[in-house]
Amino acid sequence: MSCPDKSVLLHGMLDGELDVVGALAFEAHMKECPACAAEYQRQQAIRAALRRPEMRDRAPDALRRRIEALADVPAEPWWHRLLQGWRWGGAGAAILATAMALLLFMPGGGEDLTQQLVDSHVRSLLAEHLTDVVSSDRHTVKPWFAGKLDAAPPVIDLAPQGFPLAGGRLDYLDRRVVAALVYRRREHIINLFVWPEPGVRDAAVTEETEEGYRLLHWTRAGLQFWAVSDVDMSDLQTFQAAYQDGVAEQGAAAH
């Protein structure tokens, strides 16, 4: 790399460890530095290759059954029985080594997108960083996103439906900068996360619950939408329907 001082930021960007400001700064740097941009793309390609299914080796069923049988023995911990493999000679040692490798190198659960969304929602309430642009006027909020994202999110005024717009902010999810539109429902906050996903097909709304928070997910016109809140699911469904109707009306008026 031609920018050794940027190497830490590059790996922080790849690992999703940069805050919004740091991520935006590094993205701006990559636009001006072809070497860093190329290295970032190369590292992403390596990671994608390592995640391919054919790179994983499934343990033999016989080995899995043997480990499960040892784990089911109530008289002593399963790992104690495994350690006895050293007494079995070469074959036992091989089984033990393979079992330990399964435990150490099997892909972990990691933090999935649903958990990231809930964490971002909670952080926005606790860190007093709910909005970067504070306004109930969609004509103020939408232009604020221009130039900061690949595509500005549809901003709809839902005050007549009981969901007044409070503003918007930038957030960081799944290693990308995304838009977060903030709406209110009485004393509750609804965060609507939006980002472009080229090639994604339109998908119907799906519901999830995580740590007591309700989430709705849908895709429209190449955009991903996630609504997160602690309101009742019925309220969140009403919000989603009103928002999507507003997007449709806005699109019709534009044509």
C-alpha atoms as a PDB file:
ATOM      1  CA  MET A   1       0.000   0.000   0.000  1.00  0.00           C
ATOM      2  CA  SER A   2       1.155   3.528  -0.691  1.00  0.00           C
ATOM      3  CA  CYS A   3      -0.467   4.771   2.539  1.00  0.00           C
ATOM      4  CA  PRO A   4       0.975   2.745   5.443  1.00  0.00           C
ATOM      5  CA  ASP A   5      -0.719   5.046   7.930  1.00  0.00           C
ATOM      6  CA  LYS A   6      -4.099   4.002   6.521  1.00  0.00           C
ATOM      7  CA  SER A   7      -3.584   0.250   6.956  1.00  0.00           C
ATOM      8  CA  VAL A   8      -5.147   0.201  10.431  1.00  0.00           C
ATOM      9  CA  LEU A   9      -8.178   2.099   9.146  1.00  0.00           C
ATOM     10  CA  LEU A  10      -8.452  -0.280   6.193  1.00  0.00           C
ATOM     11  CA  HIS A  11      -8.660  -3.339   8.421  1.00  0.00           C
ATOM     12  CA  GLY A  12     -10.983  -1.513  10.800  1.00  0.00           C
ATOM     13  CA  MET A  13     -13.259  -0.803   7.834  1.00  0.00           C
ATOM     14  CA  LEU A  14     -13.164  -4.449   6.768  1.00  0.00           C
ATOM     15  CA  ASP A  15     -13.961  -5.643  10.302  1.00  0.00           C
ATOM     16  CA  GLY A  16     -16.769  -3.134  10.813  1.00  0.00           C
ATOM     17  CA  GLU A  17     -14.949  -1.498  13.730  1.00  0.00           C
ATOM     18  CA  LEU A  18     -14.976   2.125  12.508  1.00  0.00           C
ATOM     19  CA  ASP A  19     -17.601   4.579  13.647  1.00  0.00           C
ATOM     20  CA  VAL A  20     -19.639   6.510  11.090  1.00  0.00           C
ATOM     21  CA  VAL A  21     -17.176   9.414  10.945  1.00  0.00           C
ATOM     22  CA  GLY A  22     -14.178   7.110  10.519  1.00  0.00           C
ATOM     23  CA  ALA A  23     -15.929   5.035   7.850  1.00  0.00           C
ATOM     24  CA  LEU A  24     -16.918   8.116   5.851  1.00  0.00           C
ATOM     25  CA  ALA A  25     -13.391   9.510   6.129  1.00  0.00           C
ATOM     26  CA  PHE A  26     -11.835   6.293   4.865  1.00  0.00           C
ATOM     27  CA  GLU A  27     -14.353   6.006   2.016  1.00  0.00           C
ATOM     28  CA  ALA A  28     -13.425   9.562   0.999  1.00  0.00           C
ATOM     29  CA  HIS A  29      -9.733   8.610   1.130  1.00  0.00           C
ATOM     30  CA  MET A  30     -10.294   5.575  -1.121  1.00  0.00           C
ATOM     31  CA  LYS A  31     -11.873   7.807  -3.760  1.00  0.00           C
ATOM     32  CA  GLU A  32      -8.608   9.756  -3.922  1.00  0.00           C
ATOM     33  CA  CYS A  33      -6.184   6.860  -3.447  1.00  0.00           C
ATOM     34  CA  PRO A  34      -6.370   4.043  -6.051  1.00  0.00           C
ATOM     35  CA  ALA A  35      -3.847   1.944  -4.111  1.00  0.00           C
ATOM     36  CA  CYS A  36      -5.949   1.859  -0.942  1.00  0.00           C
ATOM     37  CA  ALA A  37      -9.131   1.260  -2.945  1.00  0.00           C
ATOM     38  CA  ALA A  38      -7.494  -1.646  -4.786  1.00  0.00           C
ATOM     39  CA  GLU A  39      -6.188  -3.159  -1.543  1.00  0.00           C
ATOM     40  CA  TYR A  40      -9.624  -2.840   0.063  1.00  0.00           C
ATOM     41  CA  GLN A  41     -11.229  -4.628  -2.907  1.00  0.00           C
ATOM     42  CA  ARG A  42      -8.523  -7.323  -2.796  1.00  0.00           C
ATOM     43  CA  GLN A  43      -9.106  -7.957   0.913  1.00  0.00           C
ATOM     44  CA  GLN A  44     -12.859  -8.126   0.365  1.00  0.00           C
ATOM     45  CA  ALA A  45     -12.368 -10.667  -2.437  1.00  0.00           C
ATOM     46  CA  ILE A  46     -10.177 -12.824  -0.183  1.00  0.00           C
ATOM     47  CA  ARG A  47     -12.758 -12.762   2.605  1.00  0.00           C
ATOM     48  CA  ALA A  48     -15.562 -13.614   0.184  1.00  0.00           C
ATOM     49  CA  ALA A  49     -13.546 -16.542  -1.175  1.00  0.00           C
ATOM     50  CA  LEU A  50     -12.885 -17.897   2.304  1.00  0.00           C
ATOM     51  CA  ARG A  51     -16.603 -17.777   3.113  1.00  0.00           C
ATOM     52  CA  ARG A  52     -17.565 -19.969   0.149  1.00  0.00           C
ATOM     53  CA  PRO A  53     -19.257 -23.251   1.181  1.00  0.00           C
ATOM     54  CA  GLU A  54     -16.670 -25.372  -0.587  1.00  0.00           C
ATOM     55  CA  MET A  55     -13.984 -23.971   1.718  1.00  0.00           C
ATOM     56  CA  ARG A  56     -15.607 -25.691   4.704  1.00  0.00           C
ATOM     57  CA  ASP A  57     -15.024 -29.347   5.478  1.00  0.00           C
ATOM     58  CA  ARG A  58     -17.854 -31.231   7.153  1.00  0.00           C
ATOM     59  CA  ALA A  59     -16.860 -33.606   9.925  1.00  0.00           C
ATOM     60  CA  PRO A  60     -17.670 -37.288   9.258  1.00  0.00           C
ATOM     61  CA  ASP A  61     -21.019 -38.365  10.679  1.00  0.00           C
ATOM     62  CA  ALA A  62     -19.346 -41.156  12.634  1.00  0.00           C
ATOM     63  CA  LEU A  63     -17.097 -38.648  14.392  1.00  0.00           C
ATOM     64  CA  ARG A  64     -20.037 -36.382  15.192  1.00  0.00           C
ATOM     65  CA  ARG A  65     -21.990 -39.290  16.691  1.00  0.00           C
ATOM     66  CA  ARG A  66     -18.995 -40.321  18.781  1.00  0.00           C
ATOM     67  CA  ILE A  67     -18.532 -36.797  20.166  1.00  0.00           C
ATOM     68  CA  GLU A  68     -22.265 -36.489  20.903  1.00  0.00           C
ATOM     69  CA  ALA A  69     -22.209 -39.848  22.675  1.00  0.00           C
ATOM     70  CA  LEU A  70     -19.330 -38.700  24.868  1.00  0.00           C
ATOM     71  CA  ALA A  71     -21.157 -35.437  25.618  1.00  0.00           C
ATOM     72  CA  ASP A  72     -24.277 -37.322  26.721  1.00  0.00           C
ATOM     73  CA  VAL A  73     -22.467 -39.300  29.435  1.00  0.00           C
ATOM     74  CA  PRO A  74     -23.640 -37.792  32.767  1.00  0.00           C
ATOM     75  CA  ALA A  75     -20.914 -39.275  34.955  1.00  0.00           C
ATOM     76  CA  GLU A  76     -18.212 -36.842  33.836  1.00  0.00           C
ATOM     77  CA  PRO A  77     -17.802 -33.859  31.543  1.00  0.00           C
ATOM     78  CA  TRP A  78     -17.558 -34.655  27.842  1.00  0.00           C
ATOM     79  CA  TRP A  79     -14.214 -32.903  27.545  1.00  0.00           C
ATOM     80  CA  HIS A  80     -12.796 -35.216  30.240  1.00  0.00           C
ATOM     81  CA  ARG A  81     -13.790 -38.231  28.161  1.00  0.00           C
ATOM     82  CA  LEU A  82     -12.213 -36.646  25.114  1.00  0.00           C
ATOM     83  CA  LEU A  83      -8.947 -36.175  26.952  1.00  0.00           C
ATOM     84  CA  GLN A  84      -8.866 -39.905  27.471  1.00  0.00           C
ATOM     85  CA  GLY A  85      -8.278 -40.091  23.715  1.00  0.00           C
ATOM     86  CA  TRP A  86      -4.586 -39.674  24.420  1.00  0.00           C
ATOM     87  CA  ARG A  87      -4.695 -43.205  25.896  1.00  0.00           C
ATOM     88  CA  TRP A  88      -6.166 -44.630  22.703  1.00  0.00           C
ATOM     89  CA  GLY A  89      -2.951 -44.373  20.705  1.00  0.00           C
ATOM     90  CA  GLY A  90      -2.693 -42.764  17.278  1.00  0.00           C
ATOM     91  CA  ALA A  91      -6.344 -43.239  16.291  1.00  0.00           C
ATOM     92  CA  GLY A  92      -7.587 -41.772  19.561  1.00  0.00           C
ATOM     93  CA  ALA A  93      -5.252 -38.818  19.280  1.00  0.00           C
ATOM     94  CA  ALA A  94      -6.479 -38.147  15.756  1.00  0.00           C
ATOM     95  CA  ILE A  95     -10.109 -38.161  16.922  1.00  0.00           C
ATOM     96  CA  LEU A  96      -9.246 -35.835  19.777  1.00  0.00           C
ATOM     97  CA  ALA A  97      -7.384 -33.442  17.482  1.00  0.00           C
ATOM     98  CA  THR A  98     -10.259 -33.386  14.998  1.00  0.00           C
ATOM     99  CA  ALA A  99     -12.821 -32.802  17.758  1.00  0.00           C
ATOM    100  CA  MET A 100     -10.816 -29.886  19.149  1.00  0.00           C
ATOM    101  CA  ALA A 101     -10.464 -28.436  15.664  1.00  0.00           C
ATOM    102  CA  LEU A 102     -14.250 -28.582  15.244  1.00  0.00           C
ATOM    103  CA  LEU A 103     -14.729 -26.637  18.455  1.00  0.00           C
ATOM    104  CA  LEU A 104     -12.062 -24.048  17.735  1.00  0.00           C
ATOM    105  CA  PHE A 105     -12.524 -23.426  14.036  1.00  0.00           C
ATOM    106  CA  MET A 106     -16.211 -23.993  13.304  1.00  0.00           C
ATOM    107  CA  PRO A 107     -17.728 -20.698  12.166  1.00  0.00           C
ATOM    108  CA  GLY A 108     -19.228 -18.900  15.153  1.00  0.00           C
ATOM    109  CA  GLY A 109     -22.664 -17.423  15.329  1.00  0.00           C
ATOM    110  CA  GLY A 110     -21.337 -13.870  15.111  1.00  0.00           C
ATOM    111  CA  GLU A 111     -23.465 -10.803  15.349  1.00  0.00           C
ATOM    112  CA  ASP A 112     -26.210 -11.071  12.752  1.00  0.00           C
ATOM    113  CA  LEU A 113     -27.885  -8.129  11.068  1.00  0.00           C
ATOM    114  CA  THR A 114     -30.967  -8.288  13.289  1.00  0.00           C
ATOM    115  CA  GLN A 115     -28.818  -7.866  16.395  1.00  0.00           C
ATOM    116  CA  GLN A 116     -26.899  -4.999  14.756  1.00  0.00           C
ATOM    117  CA  LEU A 117     -30.166  -3.241  13.959  1.00  0.00           C
ATOM    118  CA  VAL A 118     -31.421  -3.522  17.526  1.00  0.00           C
ATOM    119  CA  ASP A 119     -28.040  -2.370  18.881  1.00  0.00           C
ATOM    120  CA  SER A 120     -28.070   0.672  16.575  1.00  0.00           C
ATOM    121  CA  HIS A 121     -31.626   1.487  17.610  1.00  0.00           C
ATOM    122  CA  VAL A 122     -30.742   1.301  21.301  1.00  0.00           C
ATOM    123  CA  ARG A 123     -27.524   3.307  20.832  1.00  0.00           C
ATOM    124  CA  SER A 124     -29.455   6.065  19.116  1.00  0.00           C
ATOM    125  CA  LEU A 125     -31.640   6.386  22.222  1.00  0.00           C
ATOM    126  CA  LEU A 126     -28.841   6.167  24.794  1.00  0.00           C
ATOM    127  CA  ALA A 127     -26.043   8.159  23.186  1.00  0.00           C
ATOM    128  CA  GLU A 128     -28.167  11.232  22.454  1.00  0.00           C
ATOM    129  CA  HIS A 129     -27.351  10.829  18.778  1.00  0.00           C
ATOM    130  CA  LEU A 130     -30.833  10.215  17.517  1.00  0.00           C
ATOM    131  CA  THR A 131     -30.592  12.629  14.594  1.00  0.00           C
ATOM    132  CA  ASP A 132     -27.919  14.411  12.555  1.00  0.00           C
ATOM    133  CA  VAL A 133     -30.536  16.574  10.888  1.00  0.00           C
ATOM    134  CA  VAL A 134     -33.479  17.576  13.078  1.00  0.00           C
ATOM    135  CA  SER A 135     -36.572  18.439  11.091  1.00  0.00           C
ATOM    136  CA  SER A 136     -40.154  17.368  10.513  1.00  0.00           C
ATOM    137  CA  ASP A 137     -39.950  18.645   6.918  1.00  0.00           C
ATOM    138  CA  ARG A 138     -39.114  15.930   4.384  1.00  0.00           C
ATOM    139  CA  HIS A 139     -37.850  18.636   2.000  1.00  0.00           C
ATOM    140  CA  THR A 140     -35.140  19.379   4.568  1.00  0.00           C
ATOM    141  CA  VAL A 141     -34.296  15.813   5.559  1.00  0.00           C
ATOM    142  CA  LYS A 142     -34.034  14.224   2.101  1.00  0.00           C
ATOM    143  CA  PRO A 143     -31.579  16.788   0.632  1.00  0.00           C
ATOM    144  CA  TRP A 144     -29.395  16.407   3.731  1.00  0.00           C
ATOM    145  CA  PHE A 145     -28.559  12.838   2.666  1.00  0.00           C
ATOM    146  CA  ALA A 146     -27.537  13.916  -0.845  1.00  0.00           C
ATOM    147  CA  GLY A 147     -23.849  13.241  -1.439  1.00  0.00           C
ATOM    148  CA  LYS A 148     -23.485  11.280   1.779  1.00  0.00           C
ATOM    149  CA  LEU A 149     -24.935   8.008   0.442  1.00  0.00           C
ATOM    150  CA  ASP A 150     -25.135   6.202  -2.882  1.00  0.00           C
ATOM    151  CA  ALA A 151     -28.880   6.838  -2.886  1.00  0.00           C
ATOM    152  CA  ALA A 152     -30.972   9.137  -0.701  1.00  0.00           C
ATOM    153  CA  PRO A 153     -33.849   7.314   1.050  1.00  0.00           C
ATOM    154  CA  PRO A 154     -37.495   8.134   0.332  1.00  0.00           C
ATOM    155  CA  VAL A 155     -38.594  10.554   3.061  1.00  0.00           C
ATOM    156  CA  ILE A 156     -42.335  10.590   3.721  1.00  0.00           C
ATOM    157  CA  ASP A 157     -44.360  12.922   5.938  1.00  0.00           C
ATOM    158  CA  LEU A 158     -46.492  10.636   8.113  1.00  0.00           C
ATOM    159  CA  ALA A 159     -47.693  13.120  10.722  1.00  0.00           C
ATOM    160  CA  PRO A 160     -51.338  12.816   9.555  1.00  0.00           C
ATOM    161  CA  GLN A 161     -51.133   9.060  10.165  1.00  0.00           C
ATOM    162  CA  GLY A 162     -49.736   9.560  13.673  1.00  0.00           C
ATOM    163  CA  PHE A 163     -46.037   9.045  12.885  1.00  0.00           C
ATOM    164  CA  PRO A 164     -44.417  12.499  12.715  1.00  0.00           C
ATOM    165  CA  LEU A 165     -40.961  12.743  11.158  1.00  0.00           C
ATOM    166  CA  ALA A 166     -38.244  13.757  13.655  1.00  0.00           C
ATOM    167  CA  GLY A 167     -35.221  13.850  11.328  1.00  0.00           C
ATOM    168  CA  GLY A 168     -32.507  11.566  10.066  1.00  0.00           C
ATOM    169  CA  ARG A 169     -28.910  10.491  10.595  1.00  0.00           C
ATOM    170  CA  LEU A 170     -26.157   8.330   9.175  1.00  0.00           C
ATOM    171  CA  ASP A 171     -25.567   4.934  10.752  1.00  0.00           C
ATOM    172  CA  TYR A 172     -23.222   2.009  10.152  1.00  0.00           C
ATOM    173  CA  LEU A 173     -24.597  -1.505   9.634  1.00  0.00           C
ATOM    174  CA  ASP A 174     -23.179  -4.662   8.142  1.00  0.00           C
ATOM    175  CA  ARG A 175     -19.985  -2.816   7.113  1.00  0.00           C
ATOM    176  CA  ARG A 176     -21.775  -0.066   5.221  1.00  0.00           C
ATOM    177  CA  VAL A 177     -23.015   3.452   5.858  1.00  0.00           C
ATOM    178  CA  VAL A 178     -26.822   3.572   5.792  1.00  0.00           C
ATOM    179  CA  ALA A 179     -29.586   6.115   6.230  1.00  0.00           C
ATOM    180  CA  ALA A 180     -31.704   6.118   9.368  1.00  0.00           C
ATOM    181  CA  LEU A 181     -35.011   7.989   9.232  1.00  0.00           C
ATOM    182  CA  VAL A 182     -36.450   8.769  12.644  1.00  0.00           C
ATOM    183  CA  TYR A 183     -40.196   8.817  13.288  1.00  0.00           C
ATOM    184  CA  ARG A 184     -42.156   9.126  16.513  1.00  0.00           C
ATOM    185  CA  ARG A 185     -45.202   7.244  17.748  1.00  0.00           C
ATOM    186  CA  ARG A 186     -46.432   9.024  20.852  1.00  0.00           C
ATOM    187  CA  GLU A 187     -43.515   8.547  23.316  1.00  0.00           C
ATOM    188  CA  HIS A 188     -41.814   5.892  21.192  1.00  0.00           C
ATOM    189  CA  ILE A 189     -39.154   6.112  18.490  1.00  0.00           C
ATOM    190  CA  ILE A 190     -39.169   4.226  15.200  1.00  0.00           C
ATOM    191  CA  ASN A 191     -35.858   3.955  13.377  1.00  0.00           C
ATOM    192  CA  LEU A 192     -36.250   3.179   9.673  1.00  0.00           C
ATOM    193  CA  PHE A 193     -32.926   1.996   8.225  1.00  0.00           C
ATOM    194  CA  VAL A 194     -32.616   2.254   4.439  1.00  0.00           C
ATOM    195  CA  TRP A 195     -29.828   1.384   2.015  1.00  0.00           C
ATOM    196  CA  PRO A 196     -29.519   0.451  -1.679  1.00  0.00           C
ATOM    197  CA  GLU A 197     -29.056  -3.193  -2.673  1.00  0.00           C
ATOM    198  CA  PRO A 198     -28.579  -3.381  -6.465  1.00  0.00           C
ATOM    199  CA  GLY A 199     -30.239  -6.398  -8.021  1.00  0.00           C
ATOM    200  CA  VAL A 200     -32.335  -7.301  -4.992  1.00  0.00           C
ATOM    201  CA  ARG A 201     -35.885  -8.368  -5.793  1.00  0.00           C
ATOM    202  CA  ASP A 202     -38.967  -6.866  -4.193  1.00  0.00           C
ATOM    203  CA  ALA A 203     -39.928  -8.893  -1.133  1.00  0.00           C
ATOM    204  CA  ALA A 204     -42.966  -8.919   1.134  1.00  0.00           C
ATOM    205  CA  VAL A 205     -42.790  -7.703   4.712  1.00  0.00           C
ATOM    206  CA  THR A 206     -41.364 -10.101   7.282  1.00  0.00           C
ATOM    207  CA  GLU A 207     -41.583  -9.758  11.062  1.00  0.00           C
ATOM    208  CA  GLU A 208     -38.947 -10.428  13.700  1.00  0.00           C
ATOM    209  CA  THR A 209     -38.566  -9.874  17.421  1.00  0.00           C
ATOM    210  CA  GLU A 210     -35.202  -9.403  19.121  1.00  0.00           C
ATOM    211  CA  GLU A 211     -34.689  -8.623  22.823  1.00  0.00           C
ATOM    212  CA  GLY A 212     -38.206  -7.246  23.121  1.00  0.00           C
ATOM    213  CA  TYR A 213     -37.919  -4.997  20.038  1.00  0.00           C
ATOM    214  CA  ARG A 214     -40.065  -5.430  16.964  1.00  0.00           C
ATOM    215  CA  LEU A 215     -38.573  -5.381  13.455  1.00  0.00           C
ATOM    216  CA  LEU A 216     -40.140  -5.298   9.996  1.00  0.00           C
ATOM    217  CA  HIS A 217     -38.121  -5.948   6.851  1.00  0.00           C
ATOM    218  CA  TRP A 218     -39.038  -5.473   3.202  1.00  0.00           C
ATOM    219  CA  THR A 219     -37.391  -4.599  -0.118  1.00  0.00           C
ATOM    220  CA  ARG A 220     -38.686  -2.297  -2.851  1.00  0.00           C
ATOM    221  CA  ALA A 221     -37.111  -0.860  -5.987  1.00  0.00           C
ATOM    222  CA  GLY A 222     -33.575  -1.937  -5.120  1.00  0.00           C
ATOM    223  CA  LEU A 223     -33.731  -0.661  -1.534  1.00  0.00           C
ATOM    224  CA  GLN A 224     -33.595  -2.547   1.756  1.00  0.00           C
ATOM    225  CA  PHE A 225     -35.897  -1.310   4.540  1.00  0.00           C
ATOM    226  CA  TRP A 226     -35.758  -2.239   8.240  1.00  0.00           C
ATOM    227  CA  ALA A 227     -38.113  -0.627  10.753  1.00  0.00           C
ATOM    228  CA  VAL A 228     -37.132  -1.094  14.415  1.00  0.00           C
ATOM    229  CA  SER A 229     -39.017   0.009  17.527  1.00  0.00           C
ATOM    230  CA  ASP A 230     -40.475  -1.049  20.846  1.00  0.00           C
ATOM    231  CA  VAL A 231     -44.016  -0.138  19.765  1.00  0.00           C
ATOM    232  CA  ASP A 232     -46.602  -2.873  19.387  1.00  0.00           C
ATOM    233  CA  MET A 233     -46.264  -4.886  16.216  1.00  0.00           C
ATOM    234  CA  SER A 234     -49.654  -3.635  15.065  1.00  0.00           C
ATOM    235  CA  ASP A 235     -48.397  -0.032  15.295  1.00  0.00           C
ATOM    236  CA  LEU A 236     -45.240  -0.925  13.406  1.00  0.00           C
ATOM    237  CA  GLN A 237     -47.293  -2.633  10.704  1.00  0.00           C
ATOM    238  CA  THR A 238     -49.486   0.469  10.414  1.00  0.00           C
ATOM    239  CA  PHE A 239     -46.345   2.600  10.093  1.00  0.00           C
ATOM    240  CA  GLN A 240     -44.897   0.351   7.381  1.00  0.00           C
ATOM    241  CA  ALA A 241     -48.115   0.369   5.366  1.00  0.00           C
ATOM    242  CA  ALA A 242     -48.444   4.158   5.636  1.00  0.00           C
ATOM    243  CA  TYR A 243     -44.800   4.686   4.675  1.00  0.00           C
ATOM    244  CA  GLN A 244     -45.015   2.384   1.665  1.00  0.00           C
ATOM    245  CA  ASP A 245     -48.258   4.022   0.517  1.00  0.00           C
ATOM    246  CA  GLY A 246     -46.499   7.384   0.782  1.00  0.00           C
ATOM    247  CA  VAL A 247     -43.574   6.119  -1.306  1.00  0.00           C
ATOM    248  CA  ALA A 248     -45.988   4.872  -3.969  1.00  0.00           C
ATOM    249  CA  GLU A 249     -47.866   8.183  -4.042  1.00  0.00           C
ATOM    250  CA  GLN A 250     -44.600  10.110  -4.219  1.00  0.00           C
ATOM    251  CA  GLY A 251     -43.454   7.976  -7.150  1.00  0.00           C
ATOM    252  CA  ALA A 252     -46.762   8.412  -8.975  1.00  0.00           C
ATOM    253  CA  ALA A 253     -46.635  12.194  -8.510  1.00  0.00           C
ATOM    254  CA  ALA A 254     -43.081  12.273  -9.880  1.00  0.00           C
ATOM    255  CA  HIS A 255     -44.262  10.608 -13.088  1.00  0.00           C
END
